[in-house]
N, C-alpha and C. Protein backbone atom coordinates (compact mmCIF):
# COMPACT_ATOMS: atom_id res chain seq x y z
N ARG A 1 77.24 86.01 98.08
CA ARG A 1 78.59 86.38 97.39
C ARG A 1 78.55 87.83 97.05
N GLU A 2 77.37 88.32 96.50
CA GLU A 2 77.19 89.62 95.99
C GLU A 2 77.48 90.60 97.28
N ILE A 3 76.85 90.25 98.39
CA ILE A 3 76.97 91.06 99.53
C ILE A 3 78.47 91.18 99.87
N GLN A 4 79.23 90.07 99.91
CA GLN A 4 80.63 90.16 100.28
C GLN A 4 81.43 91.05 99.36
N ARG A 5 81.12 90.88 97.82
CA ARG A 5 81.63 91.62 96.82
C ARG A 5 81.58 93.19 97.00
N GLN A 6 80.18 93.58 97.38
CA GLN A 6 79.98 94.82 97.56
C GLN A 6 80.65 95.36 98.78
N VAL A 7 80.83 94.57 100.05
CA VAL A 7 81.57 95.01 101.22
C VAL A 7 82.89 95.35 100.87
N ASP A 8 83.62 94.36 100.03
CA ASP A 8 84.98 94.53 99.60
C ASP A 8 85.14 95.81 98.76
N ARG A 9 84.13 96.05 97.86
CA ARG A 9 84.24 97.26 97.00
C ARG A 9 84.12 98.51 97.81
N LEU A 10 83.26 98.71 98.89
CA LEU A 10 83.13 99.70 99.76
C LEU A 10 84.44 99.82 100.64
N ARG A 11 84.92 98.58 101.10
CA ARG A 11 86.33 99.11 101.80
C ARG A 11 87.33 99.59 100.99
N GLY A 12 87.27 99.11 99.74
CA GLY A 12 88.35 99.61 98.61
C GLY A 12 88.12 101.23 98.44
N MET A 13 86.73 101.54 98.35
CA MET A 13 86.40 102.98 98.13
C MET A 13 86.86 103.75 99.42
N MET A 14 86.82 103.25 100.73
CA MET A 14 87.06 103.93 101.84
C MET A 14 88.58 104.10 101.85
N LYS A 15 89.30 102.94 101.59
CA LYS A 15 90.76 103.20 101.57
C LYS A 15 91.15 104.11 100.47
N GLU A 16 90.60 104.14 99.35
CA GLU A 16 90.96 105.22 98.15
C GLU A 16 90.63 106.41 98.75
N ILE A 17 89.63 106.79 99.39
CA ILE A 17 89.24 108.24 99.82
C ILE A 17 90.08 108.66 100.95
N LEU A 18 90.43 107.70 101.78
CA LEU A 18 91.60 108.12 102.69
C LEU A 18 92.97 108.41 102.18
N GLU A 19 93.32 107.59 101.09
CA GLU A 19 94.51 107.68 100.26
C GLU A 19 94.45 109.01 99.74
N PHE A 20 93.39 109.36 99.02
CA PHE A 20 93.13 110.63 98.16
C PHE A 20 93.31 111.71 99.10
N SER A 21 92.70 111.67 100.32
CA SER A 21 92.86 112.89 101.24
C SER A 21 94.10 112.99 101.99
N ARG A 22 95.08 112.00 102.00
CA ARG A 22 96.35 112.09 102.39
C ARG A 22 97.36 112.43 101.25
N GLY A 23 96.85 112.59 100.16
CA GLY A 23 97.70 113.08 98.99
C GLY A 23 98.29 111.84 98.10
N GLY A 24 97.94 110.62 98.57
CA GLY A 24 98.47 109.49 97.82
C GLY A 24 98.22 109.20 96.45
N ASP A 25 99.00 108.98 95.57
CA ASP A 25 98.46 108.83 94.08
C ASP A 25 99.29 107.60 93.41
N ARG A 26 99.78 106.78 94.36
CA ARG A 26 100.60 105.66 93.68
C ARG A 26 99.63 104.67 92.96
N VAL A 27 100.19 104.39 91.71
CA VAL A 27 99.38 103.41 90.97
C VAL A 27 100.11 102.24 90.65
N GLN A 28 99.60 101.07 90.52
CA GLN A 28 100.29 99.85 90.18
C GLN A 28 99.76 99.40 88.81
N LEU A 29 100.61 99.64 87.81
CA LEU A 29 100.16 99.51 86.27
C LEU A 29 100.45 97.85 86.09
N THR A 30 99.48 97.17 85.44
CA THR A 30 99.59 95.85 85.25
C THR A 30 98.88 95.55 83.88
N VAL A 31 99.33 94.75 83.08
CA VAL A 31 98.64 94.47 81.87
C VAL A 31 97.48 93.53 81.96
N GLY A 32 96.39 93.78 81.38
CA GLY A 32 95.24 93.08 81.61
C GLY A 32 94.11 93.47 80.66
N PRO A 33 92.96 92.61 80.64
CA PRO A 33 91.98 92.74 79.67
C PRO A 33 91.05 93.95 79.92
N VAL A 34 90.77 94.93 78.89
CA VAL A 34 89.89 96.07 79.21
C VAL A 34 88.45 95.63 79.05
N GLY A 35 88.20 94.77 78.44
CA GLY A 35 86.85 94.03 78.26
C GLY A 35 86.40 93.62 79.62
N ALA A 36 87.08 92.81 80.39
CA ALA A 36 86.81 92.26 81.61
C ALA A 36 86.46 93.39 82.57
N LEU A 37 87.37 94.58 82.70
CA LEU A 37 87.10 95.72 83.41
C LEU A 37 85.75 96.32 83.31
N LEU A 38 85.36 96.53 81.96
CA LEU A 38 84.07 97.20 81.71
C LEU A 38 82.89 96.11 81.93
N ASP A 39 83.06 94.88 81.70
CA ASP A 39 82.14 93.94 82.14
C ASP A 39 81.77 93.97 83.61
N GLU A 40 82.92 93.96 84.45
CA GLU A 40 82.63 94.05 85.91
C GLU A 40 82.01 95.22 86.41
N VAL A 41 82.36 96.51 85.70
CA VAL A 41 81.73 97.72 86.05
C VAL A 41 80.27 97.79 85.55
N ALA A 42 79.92 97.21 84.62
CA ALA A 42 78.57 97.16 84.24
C ALA A 42 77.71 96.23 85.23
N LYS A 43 78.36 95.11 85.59
CA LYS A 43 77.63 94.09 86.36
C LYS A 43 77.40 94.88 87.81
N SER A 44 78.35 95.50 88.55
CA SER A 44 78.27 96.23 89.74
C SER A 44 77.42 97.28 89.65
N ALA A 45 77.19 97.97 88.44
CA ALA A 45 76.23 99.12 88.43
C ALA A 45 74.73 98.71 88.14
N SER A 46 74.73 97.52 87.62
CA SER A 46 73.44 97.01 87.17
C SER A 46 72.21 96.91 88.30
N MET A 47 72.62 96.68 89.46
CA MET A 47 71.60 96.60 90.60
C MET A 47 71.10 98.12 90.83
N ALA A 48 72.01 99.19 90.86
CA ALA A 48 71.54 100.50 91.06
C ALA A 48 70.69 100.99 89.94
N THR A 49 71.24 100.65 88.68
CA THR A 49 70.65 101.20 87.53
C THR A 49 69.30 100.63 87.15
N GLN A 50 69.12 99.38 87.31
CA GLN A 50 67.93 98.67 86.87
C GLN A 50 66.74 99.21 87.71
N ALA A 51 66.93 99.44 88.97
CA ALA A 51 65.81 99.99 89.81
C ALA A 51 65.39 101.39 89.29
N ARG A 52 66.10 102.10 88.56
CA ARG A 52 65.73 103.26 88.04
C ARG A 52 65.59 103.36 86.45
N ASN A 53 65.44 102.19 86.01
CA ASN A 53 65.18 101.93 84.69
C ASN A 53 66.24 102.62 83.67
N ILE A 54 67.39 102.43 84.21
CA ILE A 54 68.67 102.91 83.33
C ILE A 54 69.30 101.76 82.76
N GLU A 55 69.61 101.85 81.48
CA GLU A 55 70.34 100.87 80.86
C GLU A 55 71.76 101.12 80.69
N VAL A 56 72.58 100.17 80.95
CA VAL A 56 74.07 100.34 80.89
C VAL A 56 74.50 99.49 79.74
N VAL A 57 74.98 100.17 78.73
CA VAL A 57 75.47 99.51 77.55
C VAL A 57 77.01 99.67 77.42
N VAL A 58 77.63 98.39 77.15
CA VAL A 58 79.02 98.38 77.14
C VAL A 58 79.39 98.03 75.65
N GLU A 59 80.14 98.95 74.87
CA GLU A 59 80.51 98.84 73.50
C GLU A 59 81.94 98.68 73.58
N GLN A 60 82.46 97.61 73.36
CA GLN A 60 83.87 97.36 73.31
C GLN A 60 84.40 97.33 72.12
N GLY A 61 84.88 98.62 71.60
CA GLY A 61 85.45 98.73 70.45
C GLY A 61 86.88 98.30 70.60
N TYR A 62 87.49 98.18 71.54
CA TYR A 62 88.77 97.68 71.93
C TYR A 62 88.53 96.78 73.12
N ASP A 63 88.82 95.49 73.00
CA ASP A 63 88.65 94.74 74.38
C ASP A 63 90.10 93.85 74.52
N GLY A 64 91.08 94.36 73.90
CA GLY A 64 92.46 93.75 74.06
C GLY A 64 92.81 94.07 75.51
N GLU A 65 94.26 93.90 75.59
CA GLU A 65 94.92 94.32 77.01
C GLU A 65 95.56 95.62 76.91
N TRP A 66 95.70 96.12 78.09
CA TRP A 66 96.33 97.50 78.15
C TRP A 66 96.97 97.39 79.51
N ARG A 67 97.86 98.45 79.72
CA ARG A 67 98.81 98.59 80.91
C ARG A 67 98.14 99.77 81.68
N LEU A 68 97.37 99.24 82.87
CA LEU A 68 96.48 100.21 83.66
C LEU A 68 96.63 99.78 85.19
N ASP A 69 96.12 100.63 86.04
CA ASP A 69 95.88 100.27 87.55
C ASP A 69 94.50 99.73 87.57
N PHE A 70 94.19 98.43 87.36
CA PHE A 70 92.82 98.12 87.09
C PHE A 70 91.74 98.31 88.34
N PRO A 71 92.42 98.10 89.57
CA PRO A 71 91.42 98.38 90.59
C PRO A 71 90.95 99.96 90.62
N ARG A 72 92.03 100.73 90.33
CA ARG A 72 91.70 102.26 90.25
C ARG A 72 90.78 102.57 89.12
N MET A 73 91.19 101.89 87.91
CA MET A 73 90.32 101.96 86.66
C MET A 73 88.92 101.79 86.90
N GLN A 74 88.64 100.46 87.73
CA GLN A 74 87.17 100.33 88.04
C GLN A 74 86.55 101.38 88.97
N ARG A 75 87.11 101.78 89.79
CA ARG A 75 86.77 102.95 90.58
C ARG A 75 86.39 104.26 89.80
N ILE A 76 87.21 104.56 88.81
CA ILE A 76 87.07 105.58 88.16
C ILE A 76 85.79 105.54 87.05
N VAL A 77 85.65 104.27 86.57
CA VAL A 77 84.52 104.12 85.64
C VAL A 77 83.29 103.85 86.45
N GLU A 78 83.27 103.26 87.68
CA GLU A 78 82.09 103.36 88.68
C GLU A 78 81.75 104.63 89.05
N ASN A 79 82.56 105.52 89.25
CA ASN A 79 82.37 107.03 89.64
C ASN A 79 81.63 107.66 88.50
N LEU A 80 82.12 107.50 87.23
CA LEU A 80 81.48 108.12 86.09
C LEU A 80 80.17 107.46 85.87
N VAL A 81 80.05 106.30 85.96
CA VAL A 81 78.75 105.59 85.94
C VAL A 81 77.65 105.95 86.84
N GLY A 82 78.14 106.03 88.04
CA GLY A 82 77.25 106.53 89.19
C GLY A 82 76.83 107.89 89.02
N ASN A 83 77.81 108.97 88.61
CA ASN A 83 77.34 110.19 88.21
C ASN A 83 76.49 110.21 87.11
N ALA A 84 76.68 109.54 86.06
CA ALA A 84 75.72 109.57 84.84
C ALA A 84 74.36 109.16 85.33
N ALA A 85 74.25 108.04 86.14
CA ALA A 85 72.83 107.63 86.64
C ALA A 85 72.22 108.63 87.60
N ALA A 86 73.14 109.30 88.31
CA ALA A 86 72.31 110.36 89.11
C ALA A 86 71.99 111.55 88.31
N ALA A 87 72.62 111.96 87.07
CA ALA A 87 72.29 112.83 86.19
C ALA A 87 71.04 112.44 85.50
N ILE A 88 70.94 111.22 85.18
CA ILE A 88 69.72 110.87 84.35
C ILE A 88 68.57 110.79 85.21
N GLY A 89 68.61 110.28 86.35
CA GLY A 89 67.39 110.25 87.45
C GLY A 89 66.84 108.91 87.15
N TYR A 90 65.74 108.91 86.23
CA TYR A 90 65.03 107.67 86.04
C TYR A 90 64.86 107.69 84.51
N GLY A 91 65.12 106.47 84.11
CA GLY A 91 64.84 106.16 82.55
C GLY A 91 65.80 106.74 81.69
N GLY A 92 66.84 106.01 81.22
CA GLY A 92 67.83 106.59 80.30
C GLY A 92 68.80 105.47 80.00
N THR A 93 69.81 106.11 79.38
CA THR A 93 70.93 104.90 78.82
C THR A 93 72.34 105.57 79.04
N ILE A 94 73.22 104.70 79.66
CA ILE A 94 74.60 104.96 79.76
C ILE A 94 75.45 104.21 79.01
N HIS A 95 76.30 104.77 78.07
CA HIS A 95 77.08 104.03 77.20
C HIS A 95 78.49 103.98 77.79
N ILE A 96 79.24 102.82 77.94
CA ILE A 96 80.69 102.71 78.07
C ILE A 96 81.38 102.28 76.90
N THR A 97 82.17 102.91 76.33
CA THR A 97 82.79 102.54 75.23
C THR A 97 84.42 102.66 75.19
N THR A 98 84.95 101.83 74.56
CA THR A 98 86.39 101.71 74.37
C THR A 98 86.73 101.87 72.96
N ALA A 99 87.86 102.45 72.62
CA ALA A 99 88.43 102.56 71.28
C ALA A 99 89.84 102.56 71.14
N ARG A 100 90.47 101.86 70.49
CA ARG A 100 92.06 101.94 70.17
C ARG A 100 92.28 103.11 69.25
N ARG A 101 92.97 104.11 69.66
CA ARG A 101 93.45 105.27 68.85
C ARG A 101 94.91 105.26 68.53
N ALA A 102 95.38 106.09 67.52
CA ALA A 102 96.75 106.10 67.19
C ALA A 102 97.64 106.47 68.55
N ALA A 103 96.94 107.42 69.34
CA ALA A 103 97.79 107.92 70.42
C ALA A 103 97.66 106.93 71.71
N GLY A 104 96.62 105.88 71.54
CA GLY A 104 96.61 105.15 72.82
C GLY A 104 95.14 104.71 72.90
N LEU A 105 94.65 104.31 74.16
CA LEU A 105 93.37 103.96 74.51
C LEU A 105 92.41 104.91 74.88
N ARG A 106 91.10 104.99 74.43
CA ARG A 106 90.13 105.74 74.75
C ARG A 106 89.07 105.15 75.38
N LEU A 107 88.69 105.76 76.43
CA LEU A 107 87.47 105.11 77.25
C LEU A 107 86.48 106.20 77.36
N GLU A 108 85.22 106.03 77.12
CA GLU A 108 84.15 107.09 77.17
C GLU A 108 83.05 106.54 78.08
N VAL A 109 82.41 107.49 78.85
CA VAL A 109 81.09 107.10 79.58
C VAL A 109 80.21 108.21 79.06
N THR A 110 79.21 107.93 78.39
CA THR A 110 78.22 108.98 78.09
C THR A 110 76.72 108.67 78.57
N ASP A 111 76.11 109.60 78.90
CA ASP A 111 74.78 109.54 79.43
C ASP A 111 73.91 110.40 78.60
N ASP A 112 72.58 110.19 78.55
CA ASP A 112 71.55 111.00 78.05
C ASP A 112 70.70 111.91 78.92
N GLY A 113 71.41 112.35 79.92
CA GLY A 113 70.83 113.07 80.87
C GLY A 113 70.77 114.58 80.33
N PRO A 114 70.45 115.62 81.22
CA PRO A 114 70.29 116.87 80.79
C PRO A 114 71.52 117.71 80.47
N GLY A 115 72.77 117.12 80.80
CA GLY A 115 73.89 117.94 80.48
C GLY A 115 74.28 118.63 81.86
N ILE A 116 75.53 119.25 81.69
CA ILE A 116 76.13 120.06 82.87
C ILE A 116 76.07 121.60 82.46
N THR A 117 75.46 122.26 83.27
CA THR A 117 75.55 123.67 83.16
C THR A 117 76.93 124.52 83.17
N GLY A 118 77.04 125.51 82.57
CA GLY A 118 78.38 126.19 82.34
C GLY A 118 79.06 126.50 83.51
N ASN A 119 78.34 126.99 84.64
CA ASN A 119 78.95 127.40 85.91
C ASN A 119 79.42 126.04 86.71
N LEU A 120 78.92 124.81 86.57
CA LEU A 120 79.16 123.73 87.30
C LEU A 120 80.47 123.13 86.59
N ARG A 121 80.60 123.30 85.19
CA ARG A 121 81.84 122.76 84.46
C ARG A 121 83.15 123.30 85.13
N GLU A 122 83.04 124.52 85.47
CA GLU A 122 84.35 125.36 86.01
C GLU A 122 84.93 124.53 87.29
N THR A 123 84.20 123.78 88.18
CA THR A 123 84.50 123.16 89.38
C THR A 123 84.33 121.66 89.49
N LEU A 124 83.96 121.14 88.32
CA LEU A 124 83.60 119.93 88.14
C LEU A 124 84.63 118.84 88.78
N PHE A 125 85.99 119.04 88.54
CA PHE A 125 87.02 118.18 88.96
C PHE A 125 87.65 118.39 90.27
N GLU A 126 86.95 119.52 91.01
CA GLU A 126 87.63 119.96 92.28
C GLU A 126 87.14 119.00 93.39
N PRO A 127 88.05 118.76 94.56
CA PRO A 127 87.80 117.96 95.57
C PRO A 127 86.52 118.62 96.43
N PHE A 128 85.78 117.90 96.93
CA PHE A 128 84.63 118.24 97.88
C PHE A 128 83.67 119.21 97.37
N VAL A 129 83.50 119.27 96.10
CA VAL A 129 82.32 120.02 95.52
C VAL A 129 81.57 119.03 95.01
N THR A 130 80.25 119.29 95.30
CA THR A 130 79.13 118.37 94.90
C THR A 130 77.98 119.18 94.43
N HIS A 131 77.28 118.78 93.46
CA HIS A 131 76.08 119.65 93.05
C HIS A 131 75.00 118.99 93.14
N GLY A 132 74.16 118.98 94.20
CA GLY A 132 72.82 118.72 94.39
C GLY A 132 72.68 117.10 94.77
N LYS A 133 73.78 116.49 94.87
CA LYS A 133 73.50 114.92 95.20
C LYS A 133 73.57 114.87 96.55
N LYS A 134 72.48 114.18 97.28
CA LYS A 134 72.45 114.26 98.67
C LYS A 134 73.40 113.26 99.26
N GLU A 135 73.69 112.15 98.63
CA GLU A 135 74.86 111.04 99.07
C GLU A 135 76.19 111.38 98.59
N GLY A 136 76.38 112.52 97.80
CA GLY A 136 77.75 112.72 97.36
C GLY A 136 78.68 113.37 98.31
N THR A 137 80.02 112.85 98.14
CA THR A 137 81.01 113.46 98.96
C THR A 137 81.81 114.62 98.28
N GLY A 138 81.65 114.77 96.95
CA GLY A 138 82.31 115.59 96.27
C GLY A 138 83.61 115.36 95.74
N LEU A 139 84.08 113.87 95.94
CA LEU A 139 85.36 113.42 95.66
C LEU A 139 85.46 112.56 94.35
N GLY A 140 84.21 112.08 93.75
CA GLY A 140 84.26 111.12 92.80
C GLY A 140 84.88 111.76 91.60
N LEU A 141 84.71 112.92 91.01
CA LEU A 141 85.37 113.35 89.81
C LEU A 141 86.72 113.87 90.17
N ALA A 142 87.09 114.23 91.28
CA ALA A 142 88.47 114.48 91.76
C ALA A 142 89.16 113.24 91.71
N ILE A 143 88.68 112.12 92.13
CA ILE A 143 89.34 110.88 92.08
C ILE A 143 89.65 110.42 90.61
N VAL A 144 88.51 110.66 89.95
CA VAL A 144 88.82 110.33 88.49
C VAL A 144 89.99 111.05 87.92
N ARG A 145 89.98 112.40 87.95
CA ARG A 145 90.90 113.13 87.40
C ARG A 145 92.40 112.74 87.94
N LYS A 146 92.51 112.50 89.25
CA LYS A 146 93.74 112.24 89.92
C LYS A 146 94.31 110.92 89.49
N TYR A 147 93.58 109.87 89.40
CA TYR A 147 94.04 108.64 89.00
C TYR A 147 94.17 108.29 87.64
N THR A 148 93.41 109.11 86.87
CA THR A 148 93.51 109.09 85.49
C THR A 148 94.92 109.59 85.04
N GLU A 149 95.20 110.72 85.60
CA GLU A 149 96.55 111.44 85.35
C GLU A 149 97.79 110.68 85.99
N ALA A 150 97.44 109.98 87.07
CA ALA A 150 98.54 109.29 87.71
C ALA A 150 99.02 108.09 86.85
N GLN A 151 98.06 107.60 85.95
CA GLN A 151 98.31 106.66 85.04
C GLN A 151 98.82 107.08 83.64
N GLY A 152 99.15 108.54 83.76
CA GLY A 152 99.65 109.05 82.37
C GLY A 152 98.61 109.52 81.58
N GLY A 153 97.28 109.43 81.89
CA GLY A 153 96.01 109.66 81.03
C GLY A 153 95.53 111.13 81.17
N THR A 154 94.60 111.33 80.38
CA THR A 154 93.78 112.62 80.49
C THR A 154 92.42 112.41 80.58
N VAL A 155 91.76 113.29 81.07
CA VAL A 155 90.07 113.35 81.27
C VAL A 155 89.57 114.57 80.70
N ARG A 156 88.47 114.55 80.10
CA ARG A 156 87.87 115.89 79.71
C ARG A 156 86.41 115.58 79.56
N VAL A 157 85.55 116.69 79.43
CA VAL A 157 84.07 116.43 79.64
C VAL A 157 83.45 117.17 78.36
N GLU A 158 82.45 116.55 77.58
CA GLU A 158 81.82 117.15 76.50
C GLU A 158 80.35 117.11 76.91
N THR A 159 79.71 118.18 76.96
CA THR A 159 78.30 118.26 77.51
C THR A 159 77.47 119.13 76.64
N SER A 160 76.02 118.72 76.58
CA SER A 160 75.19 119.48 75.87
C SER A 160 73.68 119.20 76.58
N GLU A 161 72.80 119.83 76.06
CA GLU A 161 71.44 119.55 76.48
C GLU A 161 70.97 117.82 76.23
N ALA A 162 71.76 117.34 75.29
CA ALA A 162 71.51 115.87 74.99
C ALA A 162 72.28 114.93 75.79
N GLY A 163 73.06 115.40 76.63
CA GLY A 163 73.67 114.39 77.48
C GLY A 163 75.31 114.85 77.65
N THR A 164 75.97 114.01 78.48
CA THR A 164 77.44 114.29 78.68
C THR A 164 78.22 113.09 78.43
N THR A 165 79.44 113.41 77.97
CA THR A 165 80.45 112.38 77.70
C THR A 165 81.69 112.73 78.47
N PHE A 166 82.23 111.70 79.16
CA PHE A 166 83.55 111.87 79.94
C PHE A 166 84.54 111.05 78.89
N VAL A 167 85.55 111.69 78.51
CA VAL A 167 86.58 111.04 77.63
C VAL A 167 87.75 110.88 78.38
N LEU A 168 88.38 109.70 78.60
CA LEU A 168 89.57 109.44 79.08
C LEU A 168 90.54 108.85 78.15
N ASP A 169 91.80 109.33 77.93
CA ASP A 169 92.70 108.89 76.97
C ASP A 169 93.89 108.55 77.62
N PHE A 170 94.53 107.20 77.28
CA PHE A 170 95.67 106.73 78.14
C PHE A 170 96.60 106.23 76.95
N PRO A 171 97.91 106.87 77.15
CA PRO A 171 98.86 106.63 76.13
C PRO A 171 99.40 105.03 75.93
N GLU A 172 100.09 104.85 75.00
CA GLU A 172 100.76 103.55 74.73
C GLU A 172 101.64 103.27 75.88
């Protein structure tokens, strides 16, 4: 079952990469549970992160329902968690948190890695830009930005030597 689930996930990623490269950004918003989305991401990330002694902690400050494109949101959060794990390397923690704000839903992915240097921040969300990852395509953060914005949201990054946080905000 897990192998089939991962194959389906990879098919979805390939479809998304092709769609991204063709300029497609159609999203299908549906109302669904935010908590289930985060639980699914943590579950799919656990195989890769456990091998590197990285703990993924889900803190559901808001676990109600929200209007999102859930397959795209899963991909967004998986990209952020994968990048966080790559930044940490071995032994650390990734926090995935949600909160209800006056302006909408906030989702954060925080790692305790070394942070992102100033010159890398300038091109972080550009397509086909990768920074030292052997297996990277340079599309992960470009996809994060594109599909966050296509859902009416915004994405920003906060970073220091103590770690990095990607903050996604989605309006009501």
